[in-house]
N, C-alpha and C. Protein backbone atom coordinates (compact mmCIF):
# COMPACT_ATOMS: atom_id res chain seq x y z
N MET A 1 -97.39 -159.14 133.90
CA MET A 1 -98.40 -158.59 133.30
C MET A 1 -99.20 -160.07 132.46
N SER A 2 -100.20 -160.36 132.44
CA SER A 2 -100.50 -161.26 131.52
C SER A 2 -100.75 -161.05 129.99
N GLU A 3 -100.87 -162.15 129.08
CA GLU A 3 -100.77 -161.74 127.87
C GLU A 3 -102.24 -161.04 127.84
N GLN A 4 -103.30 -161.82 128.72
CA GLN A 4 -104.57 -161.38 128.26
C GLN A 4 -105.00 -159.68 128.63
N THR A 5 -104.29 -159.39 130.04
CA THR A 5 -104.41 -157.76 130.52
C THR A 5 -103.99 -157.09 129.24
N GLU A 6 -102.63 -157.35 128.72
CA GLU A 6 -101.73 -156.62 127.67
C GLU A 6 -102.74 -156.46 126.39
N THR A 7 -103.51 -157.71 125.92
CA THR A 7 -104.59 -157.69 125.09
C THR A 7 -105.76 -156.66 125.26
N THR A 8 -106.08 -156.73 126.61
CA THR A 8 -107.12 -156.19 126.79
C THR A 8 -106.85 -154.70 126.62
N ASP A 9 -105.55 -154.22 127.36
CA ASP A 9 -104.98 -152.63 127.40
C ASP A 9 -104.96 -152.07 126.16
N GLY A 10 -104.58 -153.17 125.16
CA GLY A 10 -104.23 -152.75 123.66
C GLY A 10 -105.48 -152.52 123.06
N LEU A 11 -106.53 -153.32 123.15
CA LEU A 11 -107.75 -153.21 122.73
C LEU A 11 -108.42 -152.06 123.25
N GLU A 12 -108.35 -151.61 124.58
CA GLU A 12 -108.83 -150.50 125.11
C GLU A 12 -107.89 -149.35 124.40
N GLN A 13 -106.84 -149.02 124.37
CA GLN A 13 -106.38 -148.31 123.75
C GLN A 13 -106.40 -147.93 122.17
N LEU A 14 -106.91 -149.14 121.50
CA LEU A 14 -107.17 -149.01 120.00
C LEU A 14 -108.49 -148.52 120.15
N LEU A 15 -109.94 -148.89 121.10
CA LEU A 15 -111.20 -148.39 121.14
C LEU A 15 -110.87 -146.84 121.31
N GLY A 16 -110.34 -146.42 122.20
CA GLY A 16 -109.99 -145.01 122.68
C GLY A 16 -109.71 -144.17 121.23
N LEU A 17 -108.82 -144.80 120.68
CA LEU A 17 -108.07 -143.71 119.39
C LEU A 17 -109.44 -144.08 118.35
N GLU A 18 -109.80 -145.28 118.11
CA GLU A 18 -110.87 -145.11 117.12
C GLU A 18 -111.82 -144.30 117.44
N GLU A 19 -112.49 -143.95 118.96
CA GLU A 19 -113.14 -143.17 119.05
C GLU A 19 -112.73 -141.33 118.59
N LYS A 20 -111.58 -141.67 118.91
CA LYS A 20 -110.97 -140.23 118.92
C LYS A 20 -110.99 -139.64 117.44
N ILE A 21 -110.74 -140.81 116.61
CA ILE A 21 -110.86 -140.62 114.89
C ILE A 21 -112.10 -140.28 114.45
N GLN A 22 -113.07 -141.06 115.20
CA GLN A 22 -114.25 -140.51 114.54
C GLN A 22 -114.87 -139.23 115.02
N GLN A 23 -114.56 -138.75 116.28
CA GLN A 23 -114.58 -137.58 116.48
C GLN A 23 -114.28 -136.51 115.61
N THR A 24 -112.86 -136.38 115.35
CA THR A 24 -112.02 -135.85 114.47
C THR A 24 -113.00 -135.82 112.82
N ILE A 25 -113.34 -136.89 112.57
CA ILE A 25 -113.73 -137.10 111.30
C ILE A 25 -115.30 -136.12 111.10
N ALA A 26 -116.03 -136.37 112.49
CA ALA A 26 -117.50 -135.60 112.64
C ALA A 26 -117.12 -134.13 112.75
N LEU A 27 -115.78 -133.41 113.44
CA LEU A 27 -115.74 -132.05 113.23
C LEU A 27 -115.11 -131.98 111.73
N LEU A 28 -114.69 -132.27 111.61
CA LEU A 28 -113.83 -132.05 110.21
C LEU A 28 -115.12 -131.89 109.21
N LYS A 29 -116.09 -132.57 109.09
CA LYS A 29 -117.48 -132.70 108.40
C LYS A 29 -118.14 -131.43 108.55
N THR A 30 -118.24 -131.24 110.06
CA THR A 30 -119.03 -129.81 110.25
C THR A 30 -118.32 -128.90 110.07
N THR A 31 -117.11 -128.56 110.10
CA THR A 31 -116.00 -127.44 109.77
C THR A 31 -116.30 -127.29 108.23
N ARG A 32 -116.10 -128.24 107.73
CA ARG A 32 -116.14 -128.05 106.16
C ARG A 32 -117.57 -127.55 105.63
N ALA A 33 -118.55 -128.16 106.24
CA ALA A 33 -120.10 -127.64 106.11
C ALA A 33 -120.10 -126.39 106.51
N GLU A 34 -119.47 -125.84 107.75
CA GLU A 34 -119.75 -124.58 107.98
C GLU A 34 -119.02 -123.46 107.08
N LYS A 35 -117.68 -124.04 106.53
CA LYS A 35 -116.85 -123.47 105.67
C LYS A 35 -117.91 -122.97 104.46
N LYS A 36 -118.41 -124.29 103.84
CA LYS A 36 -119.17 -124.06 102.63
C LYS A 36 -120.22 -122.82 102.96
N ALA A 37 -120.69 -123.13 103.97
CA ALA A 37 -122.28 -121.90 104.40
C ALA A 37 -121.44 -120.66 104.14
N LEU A 38 -120.24 -120.37 104.98
CA LEU A 38 -119.45 -119.09 105.15
C LEU A 38 -119.33 -118.39 103.85
N GLN A 39 -118.78 -119.31 103.03
CA GLN A 39 -118.41 -119.04 101.65
C GLN A 39 -119.61 -118.95 100.52
N GLU A 40 -120.68 -119.51 100.95
CA GLU A 40 -122.07 -119.01 99.98
C GLU A 40 -122.46 -117.89 100.60
N GLU A 41 -122.38 -117.49 101.72
CA GLU A 41 -123.01 -116.38 102.47
C GLU A 41 -122.09 -114.96 102.07
N ASN A 42 -120.75 -115.52 102.06
CA ASN A 42 -119.75 -114.11 101.44
C ASN A 42 -120.09 -114.08 100.21
N ALA A 43 -120.30 -114.83 99.05
CA ALA A 43 -120.79 -114.86 97.85
C ALA A 43 -121.57 -113.73 97.73
N GLN A 44 -122.81 -113.85 98.29
CA GLN A 44 -124.06 -113.33 98.74
C GLN A 44 -123.84 -111.73 98.95
N LEU A 45 -123.16 -111.73 99.79
CA LEU A 45 -122.67 -110.27 100.52
C LEU A 45 -121.95 -109.49 99.52
N ARG A 46 -121.04 -110.44 98.94
CA ARG A 46 -120.25 -109.51 98.07
C ARG A 46 -121.07 -109.14 96.54
N GLN A 47 -122.24 -109.88 96.40
CA GLN A 47 -123.33 -109.58 95.13
C GLN A 47 -124.16 -108.24 95.53
N SER A 48 -124.56 -108.28 97.07
CA SER A 48 -125.32 -107.57 97.64
C SER A 48 -124.73 -106.21 97.78
N LEU A 49 -123.39 -106.15 98.20
CA LEU A 49 -122.59 -104.95 98.26
C LEU A 49 -122.42 -104.24 96.72
N GLU A 50 -122.06 -105.18 95.82
CA GLU A 50 -122.07 -104.96 94.41
C GLU A 50 -123.23 -104.28 93.87
N GLU A 51 -124.13 -104.50 94.30
CA GLU A 51 -125.74 -104.05 93.90
C GLU A 51 -125.73 -102.81 94.41
N GLN A 52 -125.36 -102.62 95.65
CA GLN A 52 -125.83 -101.26 96.46
C GLN A 52 -124.77 -100.28 95.97
N THR A 53 -123.68 -100.51 95.63
CA THR A 53 -122.62 -99.67 94.83
C THR A 53 -123.05 -99.14 93.65
N LYS A 54 -123.56 -99.89 93.04
CA LYS A 54 -124.18 -99.53 91.84
C LYS A 54 -125.14 -98.73 91.99
N ALA A 55 -126.14 -99.02 92.96
CA ALA A 55 -127.46 -98.24 93.61
C ALA A 55 -127.03 -96.64 93.78
N ALA A 56 -125.80 -96.63 94.60
CA ALA A 56 -125.31 -95.59 95.10
C ALA A 56 -124.82 -94.50 94.05
N GLN A 57 -124.07 -95.40 93.26
CA GLN A 57 -123.71 -94.79 91.99
C GLN A 57 -124.54 -93.74 91.16
N ALA A 58 -125.66 -94.99 91.12
CA ALA A 58 -126.86 -94.35 89.86
C ALA A 58 -127.48 -93.39 90.99
N ILE A 59 -127.64 -92.97 92.32
CA ILE A 59 -128.47 -92.08 93.00
C ILE A 59 -127.48 -90.85 92.78
N GLU A 60 -125.89 -91.06 93.06
CA GLU A 60 -125.04 -89.98 93.08
C GLU A 60 -125.31 -89.14 91.60
N GLU A 61 -125.28 -89.81 90.72
CA GLU A 61 -125.41 -89.55 89.39
C GLU A 61 -126.38 -88.58 89.11
N ARG A 62 -127.96 -89.06 89.55
CA ARG A 62 -129.01 -88.50 89.53
C ARG A 62 -129.37 -86.97 90.44
N ALA A 63 -128.40 -87.01 91.46
CA ALA A 63 -128.30 -86.11 92.62
C ALA A 63 -127.68 -85.24 91.69
N GLY A 64 -126.62 -85.65 91.05
CA GLY A 64 -125.71 -84.51 90.42
C GLY A 64 -126.36 -83.58 88.94
N LYS A 65 -126.92 -84.49 88.12
CA LYS A 65 -128.10 -83.99 87.28
C LYS A 65 -129.31 -82.81 87.80
N LEU A 66 -129.83 -83.49 89.08
CA LEU A 66 -130.80 -82.56 89.86
C LEU A 66 -130.05 -81.12 90.16
N GLU A 67 -129.19 -81.43 90.87
CA GLU A 67 -128.15 -80.08 91.52
C GLU A 67 -127.80 -79.14 90.07
N LYS A 68 -127.41 -79.66 88.79
CA LYS A 68 -127.17 -78.77 87.58
C LYS A 68 -128.55 -78.45 87.30
N GLU A 69 -129.82 -79.24 87.20
CA GLU A 69 -131.06 -78.67 86.94
C GLU A 69 -131.59 -77.39 87.91
N ARG A 70 -131.19 -77.37 89.45
CA ARG A 70 -131.62 -76.65 90.17
C ARG A 70 -130.68 -75.32 90.11
N GLU A 71 -129.69 -75.34 89.47
CA GLU A 71 -128.89 -74.01 89.51
C GLU A 71 -129.44 -73.70 87.99
N ALA A 72 -129.77 -74.33 86.96
CA ALA A 72 -130.23 -73.90 85.92
C ALA A 72 -131.57 -72.90 86.27
N VAL A 73 -132.15 -73.80 86.86
CA VAL A 73 -133.62 -73.12 87.48
C VAL A 73 -133.41 -71.68 88.00
N ARG A 74 -132.37 -71.86 88.86
CA ARG A 74 -132.15 -70.82 89.90
C ARG A 74 -131.70 -69.37 89.27
N ALA A 75 -130.90 -69.69 87.79
CA ALA A 75 -130.24 -68.44 87.24
C ALA A 75 -131.53 -68.10 86.42
N ARG A 76 -132.26 -68.79 85.84
CA ARG A 76 -133.50 -68.50 85.03
C ARG A 76 -134.45 -67.74 86.00
N VAL A 77 -134.61 -68.05 87.10
CA VAL A 77 -135.55 -66.97 88.00
C VAL A 77 -134.75 -65.79 88.10
N GLN A 78 -133.42 -65.60 88.45
CA GLN A 78 -132.93 -64.32 88.89
C GLN A 78 -132.97 -63.82 87.53
N ARG A 79 -132.94 -64.23 86.47
CA ARG A 79 -132.56 -63.08 85.46
C ARG A 79 -134.08 -62.55 85.01
N LEU A 80 -135.13 -63.57 85.37
CA LEU A 80 -136.64 -62.78 85.32
C LEU A 80 -136.67 -61.98 86.47
N VAL A 81 -136.38 -62.01 87.53
CA VAL A 81 -136.32 -60.90 88.61
C VAL A 81 -135.59 -59.75 88.27
N GLU A 82 -134.64 -60.24 87.68
CA GLU A 82 -133.93 -59.04 87.35
C GLU A 82 -134.73 -58.18 86.03
N GLN A 83 -135.41 -58.77 85.34
CA GLN A 83 -136.11 -58.05 84.14
C GLN A 83 -137.46 -57.77 84.50
N VAL A 84 -137.99 -58.07 85.58
CA VAL A 84 -138.86 -57.78 86.19
C VAL A 84 -138.50 -56.22 87.00
N ASP A 85 -137.65 -56.33 87.49
CA ASP A 85 -136.93 -55.12 88.58
C ASP A 85 -136.85 -53.85 87.57
N ALA A 86 -136.23 -54.47 86.03
CA ALA A 86 -135.80 -53.29 85.49
C ALA A 86 -136.99 -52.69 84.78
N VAL A 87 -138.30 -53.61 84.91
CA VAL A 87 -139.66 -53.00 84.00
C VAL A 87 -139.98 -52.09 84.79
N THR A 88 -140.31 -52.59 86.50
CA THR A 88 -140.65 -52.06 87.40
C THR A 88 -140.05 -50.80 87.85
N THR A 89 -138.73 -50.71 87.49
CA THR A 89 -137.81 -49.37 87.81
C THR A 89 -137.91 -48.31 86.53
N ALA A 90 -138.28 -48.94 85.59
CA ALA A 90 -138.23 -48.10 84.17
C ALA A 90 -139.87 -47.20 84.13
N ARG A 91 -140.78 -48.27 84.79
CA ARG A 91 -142.01 -47.45 84.81
C ARG A 91 -142.12 -46.35 86.29
N ALA A 92 -141.45 -46.83 86.99
CA ALA A 92 -141.38 -45.98 88.41
C ALA A 92 -140.78 -44.45 87.99
N ASP A 93 -139.78 -44.72 87.07
CA ASP A 93 -139.20 -43.59 86.81
C ASP A 93 -139.94 -42.52 85.86
N ALA A 94 -140.69 -43.13 85.14
CA ALA A 94 -141.34 -42.72 83.87
C ALA A 94 -142.52 -41.42 84.50
């Protein structure tokens, strides 16, 4: 092989290697950008989850309070019905 052929082959190999390095750099930049976007999305999703969890807890607390109120109203109505029955029964007996 002549010296010029070896130089040309070496230059072609160097150009090929340079192209692969440029492609790797582009891929690395893209991957880093995607990673950053995913990290930001993850942070947003975590914040949203935290907010929804707090909202769900507030709803559960409200539902518990409403259930207690309902039971209290039910007990009052039951007492009133019993009192009305007692009065009605007493009048019927008289």
